[in-house]
Amino acid sequence: MAILPIVTYPADILETMCEPVKQFDRQLIQLLNDMYETMIDADGVGLAAPQVGIAKQIAVVDVGDEHGRIELINPRIIEARGEQIGPEGCLSFPGLFGEVKRANYVKVRAQDRRGRPFTLEATEFLARALQHEIDHLNGILFTSKVIRYYDPEELEG
């Protein structure tokens, strides 16, 4: 496994619509493993392929709950309800945090590393993380949804 370099804004790939994955092979499995290691090493809870320079619909999420490591390939939000407002940051925007409005519940359809389809339902923090990563795959950055940015002093303590 390898720690991959994280692409930071203003790289064009971060605002690129990613291509669907069509090949489920060893290279994909290696990429998923490397992305997960990179996310953990960077102290993140999610990482999308464009953040490591790859314009493919691939993301990993682990918010430290009972779901553990979630791998999303070609994900789509098929249902969203409710509303939550909370803090978000992004590994591609080091040191930048803001308040973002998201759905409080999402149902996501995706494929696993072998290409098998699955559906995942999530609420609260996991729902927020899933929406953030799926936005990345559509070239949408959290900065376009920020209601207000936090001052550094607000983040201490």
C-alpha atoms as a PDB file:
ATOM      1  CA  MET A   1       0.000   0.000   0.000  1.00  0.00           C
ATOM      2  CA  ALA A   2       1.103   3.537  -0.677  1.00  0.00           C
ATOM      3  CA  ILE A   3       0.325   6.985   0.623  1.00  0.00           C
ATOM      4  CA  LEU A   4      -0.741   9.007  -2.409  1.00  0.00           C
ATOM      5  CA  PRO A   5      -0.163  12.769  -2.795  1.00  0.00           C
ATOM      6  CA  ILE A   6      -3.379  14.708  -2.132  1.00  0.00           C
ATOM      7  CA  VAL A   7      -4.330  17.234  -4.804  1.00  0.00           C
ATOM      8  CA  THR A   8      -5.093  20.663  -3.373  1.00  0.00           C
ATOM      9  CA  TYR A   9      -7.199  23.495  -4.729  1.00  0.00           C
ATOM     10  CA  PRO A  10      -7.027  25.127  -7.328  1.00  0.00           C
ATOM     11  CA  ALA A  11      -6.221  21.970  -9.356  1.00  0.00           C
ATOM     12  CA  ASP A  12      -8.647  21.600 -12.294  1.00  0.00           C
ATOM     13  CA  ILE A  13      -9.296  17.913 -11.592  1.00  0.00           C
ATOM     14  CA  LEU A  14     -11.132  18.885  -8.387  1.00  0.00           C
ATOM     15  CA  GLU A  15     -13.859  20.518 -10.479  1.00  0.00           C
ATOM     16  CA  THR A  16     -14.048  17.793 -13.122  1.00  0.00           C
ATOM     17  CA  MET A  17     -17.014  15.474 -13.650  1.00  0.00           C
ATOM     18  CA  CYS A  18     -15.520  12.020 -13.058  1.00  0.00           C
ATOM     19  CA  GLU A  19     -15.860   9.065 -15.415  1.00  0.00           C
ATOM     20  CA  PRO A  20     -17.722   5.916 -14.355  1.00  0.00           C
ATOM     21  CA  VAL A  21     -15.615   2.882 -13.481  1.00  0.00           C
ATOM     22  CA  LYS A  22     -16.082   0.081 -15.999  1.00  0.00           C
ATOM     23  CA  GLN A  23     -13.177  -2.231 -15.078  1.00  0.00           C
ATOM     24  CA  PHE A  24     -13.178  -3.960 -11.724  1.00  0.00           C
ATOM     25  CA  ASP A  25      -9.664  -5.367 -11.536  1.00  0.00           C
ATOM     26  CA  ARG A  26      -6.514  -5.566  -9.409  1.00  0.00           C
ATOM     27  CA  GLN A  27      -5.612  -1.975 -10.252  1.00  0.00           C
ATOM     28  CA  LEU A  28      -8.928  -0.785  -8.817  1.00  0.00           C
ATOM     29  CA  ILE A  29      -8.429  -2.821  -5.643  1.00  0.00           C
ATOM     30  CA  GLN A  30      -4.898  -1.383  -5.271  1.00  0.00           C
ATOM     31  CA  LEU A  31      -6.233   2.145  -5.760  1.00  0.00           C
ATOM     32  CA  LEU A  32      -8.977   1.611  -3.149  1.00  0.00           C
ATOM     33  CA  ASN A  33      -6.418   0.299  -0.645  1.00  0.00           C
ATOM     34  CA  ASP A  34      -4.025   3.183  -1.349  1.00  0.00           C
ATOM     35  CA  MET A  35      -6.842   5.753  -1.093  1.00  0.00           C
ATOM     36  CA  TYR A  36      -7.934   4.336   2.264  1.00  0.00           C
ATOM     37  CA  GLU A  37      -4.349   4.403   3.607  1.00  0.00           C
ATOM     38  CA  THR A  38      -3.935   7.967   2.316  1.00  0.00           C
ATOM     39  CA  MET A  39      -7.194   9.093   3.980  1.00  0.00           C
ATOM     40  CA  ILE A  40      -6.224   7.543   7.334  1.00  0.00           C
ATOM     41  CA  ASP A  41      -2.695   8.995   7.122  1.00  0.00           C
ATOM     42  CA  ALA A  42      -4.177  12.467   6.465  1.00  0.00           C
ATOM     43  CA  ASP A  43      -6.640  12.091   9.378  1.00  0.00           C
ATOM     44  CA  GLY A  44      -9.633  12.324   7.033  1.00  0.00           C
ATOM     45  CA  VAL A  45     -13.027  10.624   7.047  1.00  0.00           C
ATOM     46  CA  GLY A  46     -13.443  10.523   3.256  1.00  0.00           C
ATOM     47  CA  LEU A  47     -11.395  10.702   0.090  1.00  0.00           C
ATOM     48  CA  ALA A  48     -12.480  10.825  -3.545  1.00  0.00           C
ATOM     49  CA  ALA A  49     -10.368   9.722  -6.515  1.00  0.00           C
ATOM     50  CA  PRO A  50     -10.010  13.230  -7.999  1.00  0.00           C
ATOM     51  CA  GLN A  51      -8.304  14.222  -4.729  1.00  0.00           C
ATOM     52  CA  VAL A  52      -5.486  11.850  -5.680  1.00  0.00           C
ATOM     53  CA  GLY A  53      -5.455  12.946  -9.321  1.00  0.00           C
ATOM     54  CA  ILE A  54      -7.785  10.326 -10.813  1.00  0.00           C
ATOM     55  CA  ALA A  55     -10.993  11.440 -12.550  1.00  0.00           C
ATOM     56  CA  LYS A  56     -12.962   8.264 -11.787  1.00  0.00           C
ATOM     57  CA  GLN A  57     -16.117   7.755  -9.714  1.00  0.00           C
ATOM     58  CA  ILE A  58     -14.390   6.177  -6.717  1.00  0.00           C
ATOM     59  CA  ALA A  59     -14.524   7.240  -3.068  1.00  0.00           C
ATOM     60  CA  VAL A  60     -13.731   5.815   0.352  1.00  0.00           C
ATOM     61  CA  VAL A  61     -15.399   6.847   3.607  1.00  0.00           C
ATOM     62  CA  ASP A  62     -14.813   5.834   7.219  1.00  0.00           C
ATOM     63  CA  VAL A  63     -16.348   8.035   9.903  1.00  0.00           C
ATOM     64  CA  GLY A  64     -15.343   5.648  12.695  1.00  0.00           C
ATOM     65  CA  ASP A  65     -18.822   4.174  13.224  1.00  0.00           C
ATOM     66  CA  GLU A  66     -20.179   0.615  12.922  1.00  0.00           C
ATOM     67  CA  HIS A  67     -20.081   0.809   9.102  1.00  0.00           C
ATOM     68  CA  GLY A  68     -16.286   0.966   9.134  1.00  0.00           C
ATOM     69  CA  ARG A  69     -14.593   1.265   5.747  1.00  0.00           C
ATOM     70  CA  ILE A  70     -17.044   2.064   2.946  1.00  0.00           C
ATOM     71  CA  GLU A  71     -15.920   1.849  -0.662  1.00  0.00           C
ATOM     72  CA  LEU A  72     -18.113   3.590  -3.208  1.00  0.00           C
ATOM     73  CA  ILE A  73     -17.760   3.008  -6.917  1.00  0.00           C
ATOM     74  CA  ASN A  74     -20.108   4.816  -9.324  1.00  0.00           C
ATOM     75  CA  PRO A  75     -22.247   6.060  -6.401  1.00  0.00           C
ATOM     76  CA  ARG A  76     -25.586   7.834  -6.817  1.00  0.00           C
ATOM     77  CA  ILE A  77     -27.771   9.431  -4.184  1.00  0.00           C
ATOM     78  CA  ILE A  78     -31.208   7.975  -4.888  1.00  0.00           C
ATOM     79  CA  GLU A  79     -33.019   9.528  -1.948  1.00  0.00           C
ATOM     80  CA  ALA A  80     -32.327  12.484   0.355  1.00  0.00           C
ATOM     81  CA  ARG A  81     -34.440  13.929   3.171  1.00  0.00           C
ATOM     82  CA  GLY A  82     -34.256  16.329   6.042  1.00  0.00           C
ATOM     83  CA  GLU A  83     -31.666  18.957   6.749  1.00  0.00           C
ATOM     84  CA  GLN A  84     -28.579  19.361   8.876  1.00  0.00           C
ATOM     85  CA  ILE A  85     -26.088  22.195   9.140  1.00  0.00           C
ATOM     86  CA  GLY A  86     -22.620  21.441  10.408  1.00  0.00           C
ATOM     87  CA  PRO A  87     -18.884  21.870  10.031  1.00  0.00           C
ATOM     88  CA  GLU A  88     -16.975  20.517   7.063  1.00  0.00           C
ATOM     89  CA  GLY A  89     -13.399  20.561   5.958  1.00  0.00           C
ATOM     90  CA  CYS A  90     -11.657  18.943   3.025  1.00  0.00           C
ATOM     91  CA  LEU A  91      -8.234  17.375   2.577  1.00  0.00           C
ATOM     92  CA  SER A  92      -7.908  19.377  -0.668  1.00  0.00           C
ATOM     93  CA  PHE A  93      -8.403  22.637   1.297  1.00  0.00           C
ATOM     94  CA  PRO A  94      -5.975  22.301   4.231  1.00  0.00           C
ATOM     95  CA  GLY A  95      -6.937  24.451   7.203  1.00  0.00           C
ATOM     96  CA  LEU A  96     -10.239  25.648   5.704  1.00  0.00           C
ATOM     97  CA  PHE A  97     -13.493  24.836   7.498  1.00  0.00           C
ATOM     98  CA  GLY A  98     -17.038  26.035   7.022  1.00  0.00           C
ATOM     99  CA  GLU A  99     -20.649  25.422   7.903  1.00  0.00           C
ATOM    100  CA  VAL A 100     -22.520  23.487   5.207  1.00  0.00           C
ATOM    101  CA  LYS A 101     -26.180  22.559   4.782  1.00  0.00           C
ATOM    102  CA  ARG A 102     -26.764  18.942   3.759  1.00  0.00           C
ATOM    103  CA  ALA A 103     -29.559  16.372   3.788  1.00  0.00           C
ATOM    104  CA  ASN A 104     -29.804  14.577   7.139  1.00  0.00           C
ATOM    105  CA  TYR A 105     -30.687  11.241   5.489  1.00  0.00           C
ATOM    106  CA  VAL A 106     -29.453   9.751   2.235  1.00  0.00           C
ATOM    107  CA  LYS A 107     -29.869   6.481   0.424  1.00  0.00           C
ATOM    108  CA  VAL A 108     -26.939   5.731  -1.847  1.00  0.00           C
ATOM    109  CA  ARG A 109     -26.662   3.102  -4.564  1.00  0.00           C
ATOM    110  CA  ALA A 110     -23.113   2.143  -5.534  1.00  0.00           C
ATOM    111  CA  GLN A 111     -20.899  -0.771  -6.503  1.00  0.00           C
ATOM    112  CA  ASP A 112     -18.297  -2.509  -4.385  1.00  0.00           C
ATOM    113  CA  ARG A 113     -14.714  -3.355  -5.403  1.00  0.00           C
ATOM    114  CA  ARG A 114     -15.954  -6.431  -7.295  1.00  0.00           C
ATOM    115  CA  GLY A 115     -18.651  -4.522  -9.186  1.00  0.00           C
ATOM    116  CA  ARG A 116     -21.564  -5.832  -7.126  1.00  0.00           C
ATOM    117  CA  PRO A 117     -24.305  -3.240  -6.568  1.00  0.00           C
ATOM    118  CA  PHE A 118     -25.348  -2.333  -3.030  1.00  0.00           C
ATOM    119  CA  THR A 119     -27.525   0.231  -1.289  1.00  0.00           C
ATOM    120  CA  LEU A 120     -26.548   2.104   1.849  1.00  0.00           C
ATOM    121  CA  GLU A 121     -28.737   4.280   4.078  1.00  0.00           C
ATOM    122  CA  ALA A 122     -27.106   6.882   6.294  1.00  0.00           C
ATOM    123  CA  THR A 123     -28.015   9.727   8.628  1.00  0.00           C
ATOM    124  CA  GLU A 124     -26.226  12.613  10.316  1.00  0.00           C
ATOM    125  CA  PHE A 125     -22.393  12.600  10.092  1.00  0.00           C
ATOM    126  CA  LEU A 126     -22.133   9.587   7.765  1.00  0.00           C
ATOM    127  CA  ALA A 127     -24.788  11.109   5.474  1.00  0.00           C
ATOM    128  CA  ARG A 128     -22.763  14.346   5.435  1.00  0.00           C
ATOM    129  CA  ALA A 129     -19.526  12.521   4.565  1.00  0.00           C
ATOM    130  CA  LEU A 130     -21.177  10.514   1.772  1.00  0.00           C
ATOM    131  CA  GLN A 131     -22.683  13.654   0.220  1.00  0.00           C
ATOM    132  CA  HIS A 132     -19.337  15.478   0.429  1.00  0.00           C
ATOM    133  CA  GLU A 133     -17.465  12.663  -1.358  1.00  0.00           C
ATOM    134  CA  ILE A 134     -20.150  12.096  -4.007  1.00  0.00           C
ATOM    135  CA  ASP A 135     -20.074  15.849  -4.703  1.00  0.00           C
ATOM    136  CA  HIS A 136     -16.326  15.498  -5.408  1.00  0.00           C
ATOM    137  CA  LEU A 137     -17.095  12.914  -8.088  1.00  0.00           C
ATOM    138  CA  ASN A 138     -19.380  15.441  -9.766  1.00  0.00           C
ATOM    139  CA  GLY A 139     -16.809  18.239  -9.623  1.00  0.00           C
ATOM    140  CA  ILE A 140     -18.635  20.041  -6.783  1.00  0.00           C
ATOM    141  CA  LEU A 141     -16.519  21.429  -3.951  1.00  0.00           C
ATOM    142  CA  PHE A 142     -17.746  22.027  -0.416  1.00  0.00           C
ATOM    143  CA  THR A 143     -16.664  25.655  -0.752  1.00  0.00           C
ATOM    144  CA  SER A 144     -19.563  26.203  -3.174  1.00  0.00           C
ATOM    145  CA  LYS A 145     -21.986  25.206  -0.387  1.00  0.00           C
ATOM    146  CA  VAL A 146     -20.457  26.946   2.620  1.00  0.00           C
ATOM    147  CA  ILE A 147     -22.898  29.144   4.532  1.00  0.00           C
ATOM    148  CA  ARG A 148     -20.075  30.711   6.517  1.00  0.00           C
ATOM    149  CA  TYR A 149     -16.395  30.001   7.087  1.00  0.00           C
ATOM    150  CA  TYR A 150     -15.021  29.413  10.561  1.00  0.00           C
ATOM    151  CA  ASP A 151     -12.359  31.659  12.001  1.00  0.00           C
ATOM    152  CA  PRO A 152      -9.288  29.728  13.189  1.00  0.00           C
ATOM    153  CA  GLU A 153     -10.062  30.728  16.804  1.00  0.00           C
ATOM    154  CA  GLU A 154     -13.465  28.995  16.582  1.00  0.00           C
ATOM    155  CA  LEU A 155     -11.769  25.712  15.757  1.00  0.00           C
ATOM    156  CA  GLU A 156      -9.448  25.724  18.777  1.00  0.00           C
ATOM    157  CA  GLY A 157     -10.700  24.095  21.949  1.00  0.00           C
END
